[in-house]
Amino acid sequence: IAQFHTDLVITPFTKFYKYSDLAVEHYN
């Protein structure tokens, strides 16, 4: 589920990510 965002506050333009995808990408 894409629930993680990198904005300090959610706005209508906020993009959501899968936290695990970002973690796995960095691990690789």
mmCIF file of all heavy atoms, coordinates in Angstrom:
data_MODEL
# 
_entry.id   MODEL 
# 
loop_
_atom_site.group_PDB 
_atom_site.id 
_atom_site.type_symbol 
_atom_site.label_atom_id 
_atom_site.label_alt_id 
_atom_site.label_comp_id 
_atom_site.label_asym_id 
_atom_site.label_entity_id 
_atom_site.label_seq_id 
_atom_site.pdbx_PDB_ins_code 
_atom_site.Cartn_x 
_atom_site.Cartn_y 
_atom_site.Cartn_z 
_atom_site.occupancy 
_atom_site.B_iso_or_equiv 
_atom_site.pdbx_formal_charge 
_atom_site.auth_seq_id 
_atom_site.auth_comp_id 
_atom_site.auth_asym_id 
_atom_site.auth_atom_id 
_atom_site.pdbx_PDB_model_num 
ATOM 1   N N   . ILE A 1 1  ? 0.847  -1.194 0.000  1.00 0.00 ? 1  ILE A N   1 
ATOM 2   C CA  . ILE A 1 1  ? 0.000  0.000  0.000  1.00 0.00 ? 1  ILE A CA  1 
ATOM 3   C C   . ILE A 1 1  ? 0.884  1.246  0.000  1.00 0.00 ? 1  ILE A C   1 
ATOM 4   O O   . ILE A 1 1  ? 1.791  1.379  0.833  1.00 0.00 ? 1  ILE A O   1 
ATOM 5   C CB  . ILE A 1 1  ? -0.922 0.026  1.228  1.00 0.00 ? 1  ILE A CB  1 
ATOM 6   C CG1 . ILE A 1 1  ? -1.781 -1.241 1.275  1.00 0.00 ? 1  ILE A CG1 1 
ATOM 7   C CG2 . ILE A 1 1  ? -1.813 1.266  1.206  1.00 0.00 ? 1  ILE A CG2 1 
ATOM 8   C CD1 . ILE A 1 1  ? -2.616 -1.359 2.533  1.00 0.00 ? 1  ILE A CD1 1 
ATOM 9   N N   . ALA A 1 2  ? 0.638  2.162  -0.915 1.00 0.00 ? 2  ALA A N   1 
ATOM 10  C CA  . ALA A 1 2  ? 1.400  3.411  -1.005 1.00 0.00 ? 2  ALA A CA  1 
ATOM 11  C C   . ALA A 1 2  ? 0.814  4.416  -0.015 1.00 0.00 ? 2  ALA A C   1 
ATOM 12  O O   . ALA A 1 2  ? -0.208 5.058  -0.296 1.00 0.00 ? 2  ALA A O   1 
ATOM 13  C CB  . ALA A 1 2  ? 1.361  3.960  -2.425 1.00 0.00 ? 2  ALA A CB  1 
ATOM 14  N N   . GLN A 1 3  ? 1.468  4.561  1.133  1.00 0.00 ? 3  GLN A N   1 
ATOM 15  C CA  . GLN A 1 3  ? 0.974  5.457  2.183  1.00 0.00 ? 3  GLN A CA  1 
ATOM 16  C C   . GLN A 1 3  ? 2.022  6.462  2.650  1.00 0.00 ? 3  GLN A C   1 
ATOM 17  O O   . GLN A 1 3  ? 1.704  7.369  3.410  1.00 0.00 ? 3  GLN A O   1 
ATOM 18  C CB  . GLN A 1 3  ? 0.523  4.629  3.403  1.00 0.00 ? 3  GLN A CB  1 
ATOM 19  C CG  . GLN A 1 3  ? -0.633 3.679  3.128  1.00 0.00 ? 3  GLN A CG  1 
ATOM 20  C CD  . GLN A 1 3  ? -0.969 2.835  4.341  1.00 0.00 ? 3  GLN A CD  1 
ATOM 21  O OE1 . GLN A 1 3  ? -0.090 2.274  4.992  1.00 0.00 ? 3  GLN A OE1 1 
ATOM 22  N NE2 . GLN A 1 3  ? -2.255 2.754  4.668  1.00 0.00 ? 3  GLN A NE2 1 
ATOM 23  N N   . PHE A 1 4  ? 3.245  6.295  2.191  1.00 0.00 ? 4  PHE A N   1 
ATOM 24  C CA  . PHE A 1 4  ? 4.345  7.141  2.667  1.00 0.00 ? 4  PHE A CA  1 
ATOM 25  C C   . PHE A 1 4  ? 4.549  8.310  1.712  1.00 0.00 ? 4  PHE A C   1 
ATOM 26  O O   . PHE A 1 4  ? 4.463  8.163  0.488  1.00 0.00 ? 4  PHE A O   1 
ATOM 27  C CB  . PHE A 1 4  ? 5.631  6.313  2.746  1.00 0.00 ? 4  PHE A CB  1 
ATOM 28  C CG  . PHE A 1 4  ? 6.822  7.081  3.247  1.00 0.00 ? 4  PHE A CG  1 
ATOM 29  C CD1 . PHE A 1 4  ? 6.966  7.386  4.585  1.00 0.00 ? 4  PHE A CD1 1 
ATOM 30  C CD2 . PHE A 1 4  ? 7.814  7.491  2.357  1.00 0.00 ? 4  PHE A CD2 1 
ATOM 31  C CE1 . PHE A 1 4  ? 8.073  8.084  5.048  1.00 0.00 ? 4  PHE A CE1 1 
ATOM 32  C CE2 . PHE A 1 4  ? 8.928  8.187  2.815  1.00 0.00 ? 4  PHE A CE2 1 
ATOM 33  C CZ  . PHE A 1 4  ? 9.053  8.480  4.164  1.00 0.00 ? 4  PHE A CZ  1 
ATOM 34  N N   . HIS A 1 5  ? 4.821  9.482  2.277  1.00 0.00 ? 5  HIS A N   1 
ATOM 35  C CA  . HIS A 1 5  ? 5.110  10.649 1.448  1.00 0.00 ? 5  HIS A CA  1 
ATOM 36  C C   . HIS A 1 5  ? 6.322  11.372 2.014  1.00 0.00 ? 5  HIS A C   1 
ATOM 37  O O   . HIS A 1 5  ? 6.685  11.178 3.178  1.00 0.00 ? 5  HIS A O   1 
ATOM 38  C CB  . HIS A 1 5  ? 3.902  11.591 1.388  1.00 0.00 ? 5  HIS A CB  1 
ATOM 39  C CG  . HIS A 1 5  ? 3.554  12.199 2.710  1.00 0.00 ? 5  HIS A CG  1 
ATOM 40  N ND1 . HIS A 1 5  ? 4.113  13.376 3.166  1.00 0.00 ? 5  HIS A ND1 1 
ATOM 41  C CD2 . HIS A 1 5  ? 2.720  11.782 3.697  1.00 0.00 ? 5  HIS A CD2 1 
ATOM 42  C CE1 . HIS A 1 5  ? 3.633  13.673 4.360  1.00 0.00 ? 5  HIS A CE1 1 
ATOM 43  N NE2 . HIS A 1 5  ? 2.792  12.716 4.711  1.00 0.00 ? 5  HIS A NE2 1 
ATOM 44  N N   . THR A 1 6  ? 6.954  12.206 1.203  1.00 0.00 ? 6  THR A N   1 
ATOM 45  C CA  . THR A 1 6  ? 8.160  12.907 1.630  1.00 0.00 ? 6  THR A CA  1 
ATOM 46  C C   . THR A 1 6  ? 7.919  14.388 1.869  1.00 0.00 ? 6  THR A C   1 
ATOM 47  O O   . THR A 1 6  ? 8.859  15.132 2.121  1.00 0.00 ? 6  THR A O   1 
ATOM 48  C CB  . THR A 1 6  ? 9.280  12.741 0.572  1.00 0.00 ? 6  THR A CB  1 
ATOM 49  O OG1 . THR A 1 6  ? 8.831  13.272 -0.680 1.00 0.00 ? 6  THR A OG1 1 
ATOM 50  C CG2 . THR A 1 6  ? 9.648  11.286 0.406  1.00 0.00 ? 6  THR A CG2 1 
ATOM 51  N N   . ASP A 1 7  ? 6.657  14.817 1.795  1.00 0.00 ? 7  ASP A N   1 
ATOM 52  C CA  . ASP A 1 7  ? 6.324  16.199 2.109  1.00 0.00 ? 7  ASP A CA  1 
ATOM 53  C C   . ASP A 1 7  ? 6.208  16.358 3.622  1.00 0.00 ? 7  ASP A C   1 
ATOM 54  O O   . ASP A 1 7  ? 5.881  15.414 4.330  1.00 0.00 ? 7  ASP A O   1 
ATOM 55  C CB  . ASP A 1 7  ? 4.990  16.609 1.468  1.00 0.00 ? 7  ASP A CB  1 
ATOM 56  C CG  . ASP A 1 7  ? 5.052  16.593 -0.054 1.00 0.00 ? 7  ASP A CG  1 
ATOM 57  O OD1 . ASP A 1 7  ? 6.174  16.616 -0.596 1.00 0.00 ? 7  ASP A OD1 1 
ATOM 58  O OD2 . ASP A 1 7  ? 3.982  16.558 -0.684 1.00 0.00 ? 7  ASP A OD2 1 
ATOM 59  N N   . LEU A 1 8  ? 6.438  17.567 4.110  1.00 0.00 ? 8  LEU A N   1 
ATOM 60  C CA  . LEU A 1 8  ? 6.270  17.805 5.533  1.00 0.00 ? 8  LEU A CA  1 
ATOM 61  C C   . LEU A 1 8  ? 4.793  17.833 5.911  1.00 0.00 ? 8  LEU A C   1 
ATOM 62  O O   . LEU A 1 8  ? 4.415  17.442 7.005  1.00 0.00 ? 8  LEU A O   1 
ATOM 63  C CB  . LEU A 1 8  ? 6.931  19.133 5.923  1.00 0.00 ? 8  LEU A CB  1 
ATOM 64  C CG  . LEU A 1 8  ? 8.451  19.193 5.781  1.00 0.00 ? 8  LEU A CG  1 
ATOM 65  C CD1 . LEU A 1 8  ? 8.973  20.544 6.226  1.00 0.00 ? 8  LEU A CD1 1 
ATOM 66  C CD2 . LEU A 1 8  ? 9.110  18.086 6.585  1.00 0.00 ? 8  LEU A CD2 1 
ATOM 67  N N   . VAL A 1 9  ? 3.976  18.293 4.989  1.00 0.00 ? 9  VAL A N   1 
ATOM 68  C CA  . VAL A 1 9  ? 2.528  18.347 5.196  1.00 0.00 ? 9  VAL A CA  1 
ATOM 69  C C   . VAL A 1 9  ? 1.850  17.878 3.916  1.00 0.00 ? 9  VAL A C   1 
ATOM 70  O O   . VAL A 1 9  ? 2.273  18.236 2.812  1.00 0.00 ? 9  VAL A O   1 
ATOM 71  C CB  . VAL A 1 9  ? 2.061  19.777 5.537  1.00 0.00 ? 9  VAL A CB  1 
ATOM 72  C CG1 . VAL A 1 9  ? 0.541  19.835 5.686  1.00 0.00 ? 9  VAL A CG1 1 
ATOM 73  C CG2 . VAL A 1 9  ? 2.738  20.275 6.811  1.00 0.00 ? 9  VAL A CG2 1 
ATOM 74  N N   . ILE A 1 10 ? 0.809  17.082 4.031  1.00 0.00 ? 10 ILE A N   1 
ATOM 75  C CA  . ILE A 1 10 ? 0.090  16.577 2.855  1.00 0.00 ? 10 ILE A CA  1 
ATOM 76  C C   . ILE A 1 10 ? -0.663 17.716 2.170  1.00 0.00 ? 10 ILE A C   1 
ATOM 77  O O   . ILE A 1 10 ? -1.344 18.509 2.823  1.00 0.00 ? 10 ILE A O   1 
ATOM 78  C CB  . ILE A 1 10 ? -0.895 15.466 3.264  1.00 0.00 ? 10 ILE A CB  1 
ATOM 79  C CG1 . ILE A 1 10 ? -0.140 14.255 3.805  1.00 0.00 ? 10 ILE A CG1 1 
ATOM 80  C CG2 . ILE A 1 10 ? -1.762 15.050 2.077  1.00 0.00 ? 10 ILE A CG2 1 
ATOM 81  C CD1 . ILE A 1 10 ? -1.048 13.163 4.335  1.00 0.00 ? 10 ILE A CD1 1 
ATOM 82  N N   . THR A 1 11 ? -0.506 17.786 0.849  1.00 0.00 ? 11 THR A N   1 
ATOM 83  C CA  . THR A 1 11 ? -1.215 18.760 0.030  1.00 0.00 ? 11 THR A CA  1 
ATOM 84  C C   . THR A 1 11 ? -1.888 18.010 -1.118 1.00 0.00 ? 11 THR A C   1 
ATOM 85  O O   . THR A 1 11 ? -1.653 16.808 -1.302 1.00 0.00 ? 11 THR A O   1 
ATOM 86  C CB  . THR A 1 11 ? -0.241 19.803 -0.549 1.00 0.00 ? 11 THR A CB  1 
ATOM 87  O OG1 . THR A 1 11 ? 0.559  19.178 -1.588 1.00 0.00 ? 11 THR A OG1 1 
ATOM 88  C CG2 . THR A 1 11 ? 0.675  20.360 0.525  1.00 0.00 ? 11 THR A CG2 1 
ATOM 89  N N   . PRO A 1 12 ? -2.710 18.692 -1.906 1.00 0.00 ? 12 PRO A N   1 
ATOM 90  C CA  . PRO A 1 12 ? -3.317 18.021 -3.065 1.00 0.00 ? 12 PRO A CA  1 
ATOM 91  C C   . PRO A 1 12 ? -2.288 17.514 -4.075 1.00 0.00 ? 12 PRO A C   1 
ATOM 92  O O   . PRO A 1 12 ? -2.600 16.696 -4.932 1.00 0.00 ? 12 PRO A O   1 
ATOM 93  C CB  . PRO A 1 12 ? -4.197 19.120 -3.679 1.00 0.00 ? 12 PRO A CB  1 
ATOM 94  C CG  . PRO A 1 12 ? -4.513 20.026 -2.533 1.00 0.00 ? 12 PRO A CG  1 
ATOM 95  C CD  . PRO A 1 12 ? -3.269 20.049 -1.702 1.00 0.00 ? 12 PRO A CD  1 
ATOM 96  N N   . PHE A 1 13 ? -1.042 18.002 -3.969 1.00 0.00 ? 13 PHE A N   1 
ATOM 97  C CA  . PHE A 1 13 ? 0.007  17.614 -4.915 1.00 0.00 ? 13 PHE A CA  1 
ATOM 98  C C   . PHE A 1 13 ? 0.933  16.536 -4.356 1.00 0.00 ? 13 PHE A C   1 
ATOM 99  O O   . PHE A 1 13 ? 1.879  16.111 -5.013 1.00 0.00 ? 13 PHE A O   1 
ATOM 100 C CB  . PHE A 1 13 ? 0.843  18.842 -5.303 1.00 0.00 ? 13 PHE A CB  1 
ATOM 101 C CG  . PHE A 1 13 ? 0.029  20.000 -5.783 1.00 0.00 ? 13 PHE A CG  1 
ATOM 102 C CD1 . PHE A 1 13 ? -0.247 21.074 -4.936 1.00 0.00 ? 13 PHE A CD1 1 
ATOM 103 C CD2 . PHE A 1 13 ? -0.509 20.015 -7.068 1.00 0.00 ? 13 PHE A CD2 1 
ATOM 104 C CE1 . PHE A 1 13 ? -1.015 22.140 -5.375 1.00 0.00 ? 13 PHE A CE1 1 
ATOM 105 C CE2 . PHE A 1 13 ? -1.278 21.077 -7.509 1.00 0.00 ? 13 PHE A CE2 1 
ATOM 106 C CZ  . PHE A 1 13 ? -1.539 22.146 -6.659 1.00 0.00 ? 13 PHE A CZ  1 
ATOM 107 N N   . THR A 1 14 ? 0.672  16.105 -3.159 1.00 0.00 ? 14 THR A N   1 
ATOM 108 C CA  . THR A 1 14 ? 1.530  15.119 -2.502 1.00 0.00 ? 14 THR A CA  1 
ATOM 109 C C   . THR A 1 14 ? 1.495  13.778 -3.248 1.00 0.00 ? 14 THR A C   1 
ATOM 110 O O   . THR A 1 14 ? 0.428  13.271 -3.580 1.00 0.00 ? 14 THR A O   1 
ATOM 111 C CB  . THR A 1 14 ? 1.096  14.899 -1.043 1.00 0.00 ? 14 THR A CB  1 
ATOM 112 O OG1 . THR A 1 14 ? 1.292  16.114 -0.319 1.00 0.00 ? 14 THR A OG1 1 
ATOM 113 C CG2 . THR A 1 14 ? 1.905  13.785 -0.393 1.00 0.00 ? 14 THR A CG2 1 
ATOM 114 N N   . LYS A 1 15 ? 2.688  13.236 -3.469 1.00 0.00 ? 15 LYS A N   1 
ATOM 115 C CA  . LYS A 1 15 ? 2.804  11.924 -4.093 1.00 0.00 ? 15 LYS A CA  1 
ATOM 116 C C   . LYS A 1 15 ? 3.090  10.888 -3.013 1.00 0.00 ? 15 LYS A C   1 
ATOM 117 O O   . LYS A 1 15 ? 3.930  11.109 -2.147 1.00 0.00 ? 15 LYS A O   1 
ATOM 118 C CB  . LYS A 1 15 ? 3.931  11.909 -5.128 1.00 0.00 ? 15 LYS A CB  1 
ATOM 119 C CG  . LYS A 1 15 ? 4.063  10.576 -5.870 1.00 0.00 ? 15 LYS A CG  1 
ATOM 120 C CD  . LYS A 1 15 ? 5.135  10.641 -6.948 1.00 0.00 ? 15 LYS A CD  1 
ATOM 121 C CE  . LYS A 1 15 ? 5.256  9.309  -7.680 1.00 0.00 ? 15 LYS A CE  1 
ATOM 122 N NZ  . LYS A 1 15 ? 6.300  9.332  -8.732 1.00 0.00 ? 15 LYS A NZ  1 
ATOM 123 N N   . PHE A 1 16 ? 2.394  9.764  -3.082 1.00 0.00 ? 16 PHE A N   1 
ATOM 124 C CA  . PHE A 1 16 ? 2.559  8.716  -2.083 1.00 0.00 ? 16 PHE A CA  1 
ATOM 125 C C   . PHE A 1 16 ? 3.368  7.548  -2.652 1.00 0.00 ? 16 PHE A C   1 
ATOM 126 O O   . PHE A 1 16 ? 3.254  7.210  -3.830 1.00 0.00 ? 16 PHE A O   1 
ATOM 127 C CB  . PHE A 1 16 ? 1.200  8.226  -1.593 1.00 0.00 ? 16 PHE A CB  1 
ATOM 128 C CG  . PHE A 1 16 ? 0.460  9.251  -0.780 1.00 0.00 ? 16 PHE A CG  1 
ATOM 129 C CD1 . PHE A 1 16 ? -0.383 10.162 -1.386 1.00 0.00 ? 16 PHE A CD1 1 
ATOM 130 C CD2 . PHE A 1 16 ? 0.642  9.322  0.593  1.00 0.00 ? 16 PHE A CD2 1 
ATOM 131 C CE1 . PHE A 1 16 ? -1.052 11.123 -0.642 1.00 0.00 ? 16 PHE A CE1 1 
ATOM 132 C CE2 . PHE A 1 16 ? -0.021 10.272 1.350  1.00 0.00 ? 16 PHE A CE2 1 
ATOM 133 C CZ  . PHE A 1 16 ? -0.879 11.179 0.728  1.00 0.00 ? 16 PHE A CZ  1 
ATOM 134 N N   . TYR A 1 17 ? 4.171  6.948  -1.783 1.00 0.00 ? 17 TYR A N   1 
ATOM 135 C CA  . TYR A 1 17 ? 5.046  5.852  -2.173 1.00 0.00 ? 17 TYR A CA  1 
ATOM 136 C C   . TYR A 1 17 ? 4.823  4.658  -1.246 1.00 0.00 ? 17 TYR A C   1 
ATOM 137 O O   . TYR A 1 17 ? 4.258  4.786  -0.164 1.00 0.00 ? 17 TYR A O   1 
ATOM 138 C CB  . TYR A 1 17 ? 6.520  6.275  -2.052 1.00 0.00 ? 17 TYR A CB  1 
ATOM 139 C CG  . TYR A 1 17 ? 6.904  7.508  -2.809 1.00 0.00 ? 17 TYR A CG  1 
ATOM 140 C CD1 . TYR A 1 17 ? 6.737  8.776  -2.244 1.00 0.00 ? 17 TYR A CD1 1 
ATOM 141 C CD2 . TYR A 1 17 ? 7.455  7.416  -4.085 1.00 0.00 ? 17 TYR A CD2 1 
ATOM 142 C CE1 . TYR A 1 17 ? 7.097  9.922  -2.934 1.00 0.00 ? 17 TYR A CE1 1 
ATOM 143 C CE2 . TYR A 1 17 ? 7.828  8.560  -4.778 1.00 0.00 ? 17 TYR A CE2 1 
ATOM 144 C CZ  . TYR A 1 17 ? 7.647  9.816  -4.203 1.00 0.00 ? 17 TYR A CZ  1 
ATOM 145 O OH  . TYR A 1 17 ? 7.998  10.935 -4.888 1.00 0.00 ? 17 TYR A OH  1 
ATOM 146 N N   . LYS A 1 18 ? 5.328  3.512  -1.672 1.00 0.00 ? 18 LYS A N   1 
ATOM 147 C CA  . LYS A 1 18 ? 5.408  2.358  -0.786 1.00 0.00 ? 18 LYS A CA  1 
ATOM 148 C C   . LYS A 1 18 ? 6.728  2.490  -0.026 1.00 0.00 ? 18 LYS A C   1 
ATOM 149 O O   . LYS A 1 18 ? 7.802  2.504  -0.639 1.00 0.00 ? 18 LYS A O   1 
ATOM 150 C CB  . LYS A 1 18 ? 5.380  1.052  -1.578 1.00 0.00 ? 18 LYS A CB  1 
ATOM 151 C CG  . LYS A 1 18 ? 4.101  0.822  -2.370 1.00 0.00 ? 18 LYS A CG  1 
ATOM 152 C CD  . LYS A 1 18 ? 4.213  -0.430 -3.220 1.00 0.00 ? 18 LYS A CD  1 
ATOM 153 C CE  . LYS A 1 18 ? 2.981  -0.593 -4.107 1.00 0.00 ? 18 LYS A CE  1 
ATOM 154 N NZ  . LYS A 1 18 ? 3.113  -1.769 -5.009 1.00 0.00 ? 18 LYS A NZ  1 
ATOM 155 N N   . TYR A 1 19 ? 6.646  2.591  1.277  1.00 0.00 ? 19 TYR A N   1 
ATOM 156 C CA  . TYR A 1 19 ? 7.843  2.748  2.105  1.00 0.00 ? 19 TYR A CA  1 
ATOM 157 C C   . TYR A 1 19 ? 8.835  1.628  1.819  1.00 0.00 ? 19 TYR A C   1 
ATOM 158 O O   . TYR A 1 19 ? 10.037 1.852  1.699  1.00 0.00 ? 19 TYR A O   1 
ATOM 159 C CB  . TYR A 1 19 ? 7.435  2.751  3.579  1.00 0.00 ? 19 TYR A CB  1 
ATOM 160 C CG  . TYR A 1 19 ? 8.541  3.124  4.545  1.00 0.00 ? 19 TYR A CG  1 
ATOM 161 C CD1 . TYR A 1 19 ? 8.642  4.412  5.044  1.00 0.00 ? 19 TYR A CD1 1 
ATOM 162 C CD2 . TYR A 1 19 ? 9.473  2.175  4.985  1.00 0.00 ? 19 TYR A CD2 1 
ATOM 163 C CE1 . TYR A 1 19 ? 9.634  4.761  5.952  1.00 0.00 ? 19 TYR A CE1 1 
ATOM 164 C CE2 . TYR A 1 19 ? 10.470 2.514  5.881  1.00 0.00 ? 19 TYR A CE2 1 
ATOM 165 C CZ  . TYR A 1 19 ? 10.551 3.808  6.364  1.00 0.00 ? 19 TYR A CZ  1 
ATOM 166 O OH  . TYR A 1 19 ? 11.553 4.150  7.247  1.00 0.00 ? 19 TYR A OH  1 
ATOM 167 N N   . SER A 1 20 ? 8.307  0.424  1.683  1.00 0.00 ? 20 SER A N   1 
ATOM 168 C CA  . SER A 1 20 ? 9.170  -0.743 1.474  1.00 0.00 ? 20 SER A CA  1 
ATOM 169 C C   . SER A 1 20 ? 9.915  -0.663 0.144  1.00 0.00 ? 20 SER A C   1 
ATOM 170 O O   . SER A 1 20 ? 11.055 -1.124 0.035  1.00 0.00 ? 20 SER A O   1 
ATOM 171 C CB  . SER A 1 20 ? 8.357  -2.036 1.544  1.00 0.00 ? 20 SER A CB  1 
ATOM 172 O OG  . SER A 1 20 ? 7.328  -2.047 0.578  1.00 0.00 ? 20 SER A OG  1 
ATOM 173 N N   . ASP A 1 21 ? 9.292  -0.076 -0.877 1.00 0.00 ? 21 ASP A N   1 
ATOM 174 C CA  . ASP A 1 21 ? 9.954  0.069  -2.179 1.00 0.00 ? 21 ASP A CA  1 
ATOM 175 C C   . ASP A 1 21 ? 11.178 0.969  -2.066 1.00 0.00 ? 21 ASP A C   1 
ATOM 176 O O   . ASP A 1 21 ? 12.236 0.684  -2.647 1.00 0.00 ? 21 ASP A O   1 
ATOM 177 C CB  . ASP A 1 21 ? 8.990  0.650  -3.214 1.00 0.00 ? 21 ASP A CB  1 
ATOM 178 C CG  . ASP A 1 21 ? 8.010  -0.382 -3.754 1.00 0.00 ? 21 ASP A CG  1 
ATOM 179 O OD1 . ASP A 1 21 ? 8.148  -1.569 -3.394 1.00 0.00 ? 21 ASP A OD1 1 
ATOM 180 O OD2 . ASP A 1 21 ? 7.116  -0.010 -4.533 1.00 0.00 ? 21 ASP A OD2 1 
ATOM 181 N N   . LEU A 1 22 ? 11.031 2.074  -1.333 1.00 0.00 ? 22 LEU A N   1 
ATOM 182 C CA  . LEU A 1 22 ? 12.152 2.994  -1.153 1.00 0.00 ? 22 LEU A CA  1 
ATOM 183 C C   . LEU A 1 22 ? 13.276 2.329  -0.364 1.00 0.00 ? 22 LEU A C   1 
ATOM 184 O O   . LEU A 1 22 ? 14.460 2.512  -0.672 1.00 0.00 ? 22 LEU A O   1 
ATOM 185 C CB  . LEU A 1 22 ? 11.679 4.252  -0.417 1.00 0.00 ? 22 LEU A CB  1 
ATOM 186 C CG  . LEU A 1 22 ? 10.649 5.120  -1.142 1.00 0.00 ? 22 LEU A CG  1 
ATOM 187 C CD1 . LEU A 1 22 ? 10.165 6.249  -0.227 1.00 0.00 ? 22 LEU A CD1 1 
ATOM 188 C CD2 . LEU A 1 22 ? 11.222 5.698  -2.426 1.00 0.00 ? 22 LEU A CD2 1 
ATOM 189 N N   . ALA A 1 23 ? 12.911 1.537  0.629  1.00 0.00 ? 23 ALA A N   1 
ATOM 190 C CA  . ALA A 1 23 ? 13.909 0.837  1.442  1.00 0.00 ? 23 ALA A CA  1 
ATOM 191 C C   . ALA A 1 23 ? 14.655 -0.207 0.616  1.00 0.00 ? 23 ALA A C   1 
ATOM 192 O O   . ALA A 1 23 ? 15.891 -0.304 0.672  1.00 0.00 ? 23 ALA A O   1 
ATOM 193 C CB  . ALA A 1 23 ? 13.244 0.180  2.645  1.00 0.00 ? 23 ALA A CB  1 
ATOM 194 N N   . VAL A 1 24 ? 13.920 -0.994 -0.149 1.00 0.00 ? 24 VAL A N   1 
ATOM 195 C CA  . VAL A 1 24 ? 14.531 -2.033 -0.982 1.00 0.00 ? 24 VAL A CA  1 
ATOM 196 C C   . VAL A 1 24 ? 15.425 -1.407 -2.054 1.00 0.00 ? 24 VAL A C   1 
ATOM 197 O O   . VAL A 1 24 ? 16.532 -1.902 -2.332 1.00 0.00 ? 24 VAL A O   1 
ATOM 198 C CB  . VAL A 1 24 ? 13.448 -2.911 -1.644 1.00 0.00 ? 24 VAL A CB  1 
ATOM 199 C CG1 . VAL A 1 24 ? 14.063 -3.804 -2.724 1.00 0.00 ? 24 VAL A CG1 1 
ATOM 200 C CG2 . VAL A 1 24 ? 12.749 -3.772 -0.596 1.00 0.00 ? 24 VAL A CG2 1 
ATOM 201 N N   . GLU A 1 25 ? 14.957 -0.317 -2.637 1.00 0.00 ? 25 GLU A N   1 
ATOM 202 C CA  . GLU A 1 25 ? 15.753 0.374  -3.657 1.00 0.00 ? 25 GLU A CA  1 
ATOM 203 C C   . GLU A 1 25 ? 17.094 0.819  -3.084 1.00 0.00 ? 25 GLU A C   1 
ATOM 204 O O   . GLU A 1 25 ? 18.143 0.668  -3.700 1.00 0.00 ? 25 GLU A O   1 
ATOM 205 C CB  . GLU A 1 25 ? 14.974 1.584  -4.177 1.00 0.00 ? 25 GLU A CB  1 
ATOM 206 C CG  . GLU A 1 25 ? 15.713 2.378  -5.247 1.00 0.00 ? 25 GLU A CG  1 
ATOM 207 C CD  . GLU A 1 25 ? 14.944 3.599  -5.719 1.00 0.00 ? 25 GLU A CD  1 
ATOM 208 O OE1 . GLU A 1 25 ? 13.774 3.770  -5.294 1.00 0.00 ? 25 GLU A OE1 1 
ATOM 209 O OE2 . GLU A 1 25 ? 15.502 4.399  -6.474 1.00 0.00 ? 25 GLU A OE2 1 
ATOM 210 N N   . HIS A 1 26 ? 17.064 1.361  -1.869 1.00 0.00 ? 26 HIS A N   1 
ATOM 211 C CA  . HIS A 1 26 ? 18.317 1.811  -1.259 1.00 0.00 ? 26 HIS A CA  1 
ATOM 212 C C   . HIS A 1 26 ? 19.182 0.618  -0.884 1.00 0.00 ? 26 HIS A C   1 
ATOM 213 O O   . HIS A 1 26 ? 20.412 0.676  -1.060 1.00 0.00 ? 26 HIS A O   1 
ATOM 214 C CB  . HIS A 1 26 ? 18.037 2.658  -0.010 1.00 0.00 ? 26 HIS A CB  1 
ATOM 215 C CG  . HIS A 1 26 ? 19.276 3.265  0.563  1.00 0.00 ? 26 HIS A CG  1 
ATOM 216 N ND1 . HIS A 1 26 ? 20.002 4.248  -0.078 1.00 0.00 ? 26 HIS A ND1 1 
ATOM 217 C CD2 . HIS A 1 26 ? 19.950 3.000  1.723  1.00 0.00 ? 26 HIS A CD2 1 
ATOM 218 C CE1 . HIS A 1 26 ? 21.059 4.568  0.637  1.00 0.00 ? 26 HIS A CE1 1 
ATOM 219 N NE2 . HIS A 1 26 ? 21.050 3.828  1.741  1.00 0.00 ? 26 HIS A NE2 1 
ATOM 220 N N   . TYR A 1 27 ? 18.585 -0.430 -0.382 1.00 0.00 ? 27 TYR A N   1 
ATOM 221 C CA  . TYR A 1 27 ? 19.344 -1.630 -0.037 1.00 0.00 ? 27 TYR A CA  1 
ATOM 222 C C   . TYR A 1 27 ? 20.097 -2.150 -1.261 1.00 0.00 ? 27 TYR A C   1 
ATOM 223 O O   . TYR A 1 27 ? 21.300 -2.458 -1.169 1.00 0.00 ? 27 TYR A O   1 
ATOM 224 C CB  . TYR A 1 27 ? 18.415 -2.717 0.497  1.00 0.00 ? 27 TYR A CB  1 
ATOM 225 C CG  . TYR A 1 27 ? 19.145 -4.016 0.793  1.00 0.00 ? 27 TYR A CG  1 
ATOM 226 C CD1 . TYR A 1 27 ? 19.873 -4.178 1.969  1.00 0.00 ? 27 TYR A CD1 1 
ATOM 227 C CD2 . TYR A 1 27 ? 19.104 -5.083 -0.114 1.00 0.00 ? 27 TYR A CD2 1 
ATOM 228 C CE1 . TYR A 1 27 ? 20.549 -5.360 2.234  1.00 0.00 ? 27 TYR A CE1 1 
ATOM 229 C CE2 . TYR A 1 27 ? 19.776 -6.259 0.140  1.00 0.00 ? 27 TYR A CE2 1 
ATOM 230 C CZ  . TYR A 1 27 ? 20.500 -6.394 1.316  1.00 0.00 ? 27 TYR A CZ  1 
ATOM 231 O OH  . TYR A 1 27 ? 21.184 -7.563 1.557  1.00 0.00 ? 27 TYR A OH  1 
ATOM 232 N N   . ASN A 1 28 ? 19.403 -2.228 -2.378 1.00 0.00 ? 28 ASN A N   1 
ATOM 233 C CA  . ASN A 1 28 ? 20.049 -2.711 -3.602 1.00 0.00 ? 28 ASN A CA  1 
ATOM 234 C C   . ASN A 1 28 ? 21.177 -1.800 -4.047 1.00 0.00 ? 28 ASN A C   1 
ATOM 235 O O   . ASN A 1 28 ? 22.165 -2.268 -4.628 1.00 0.00 ? 28 ASN A O   1 
ATOM 236 C CB  . ASN A 1 28 ? 19.000 -2.858 -4.717 1.00 0.00 ? 28 ASN A CB  1 
ATOM 237 C CG  . ASN A 1 28 ? 18.054 -4.010 -4.472 1.00 0.00 ? 28 ASN A CG  1 
ATOM 238 O OD1 . ASN A 1 28 ? 18.398 -4.992 -3.816 1.00 0.00 ? 28 ASN A OD1 1 
ATOM 239 N ND2 . ASN A 1 28 ? 16.842 -3.914 -4.994 1.00 0.00 ? 28 ASN A ND2 1 
# 
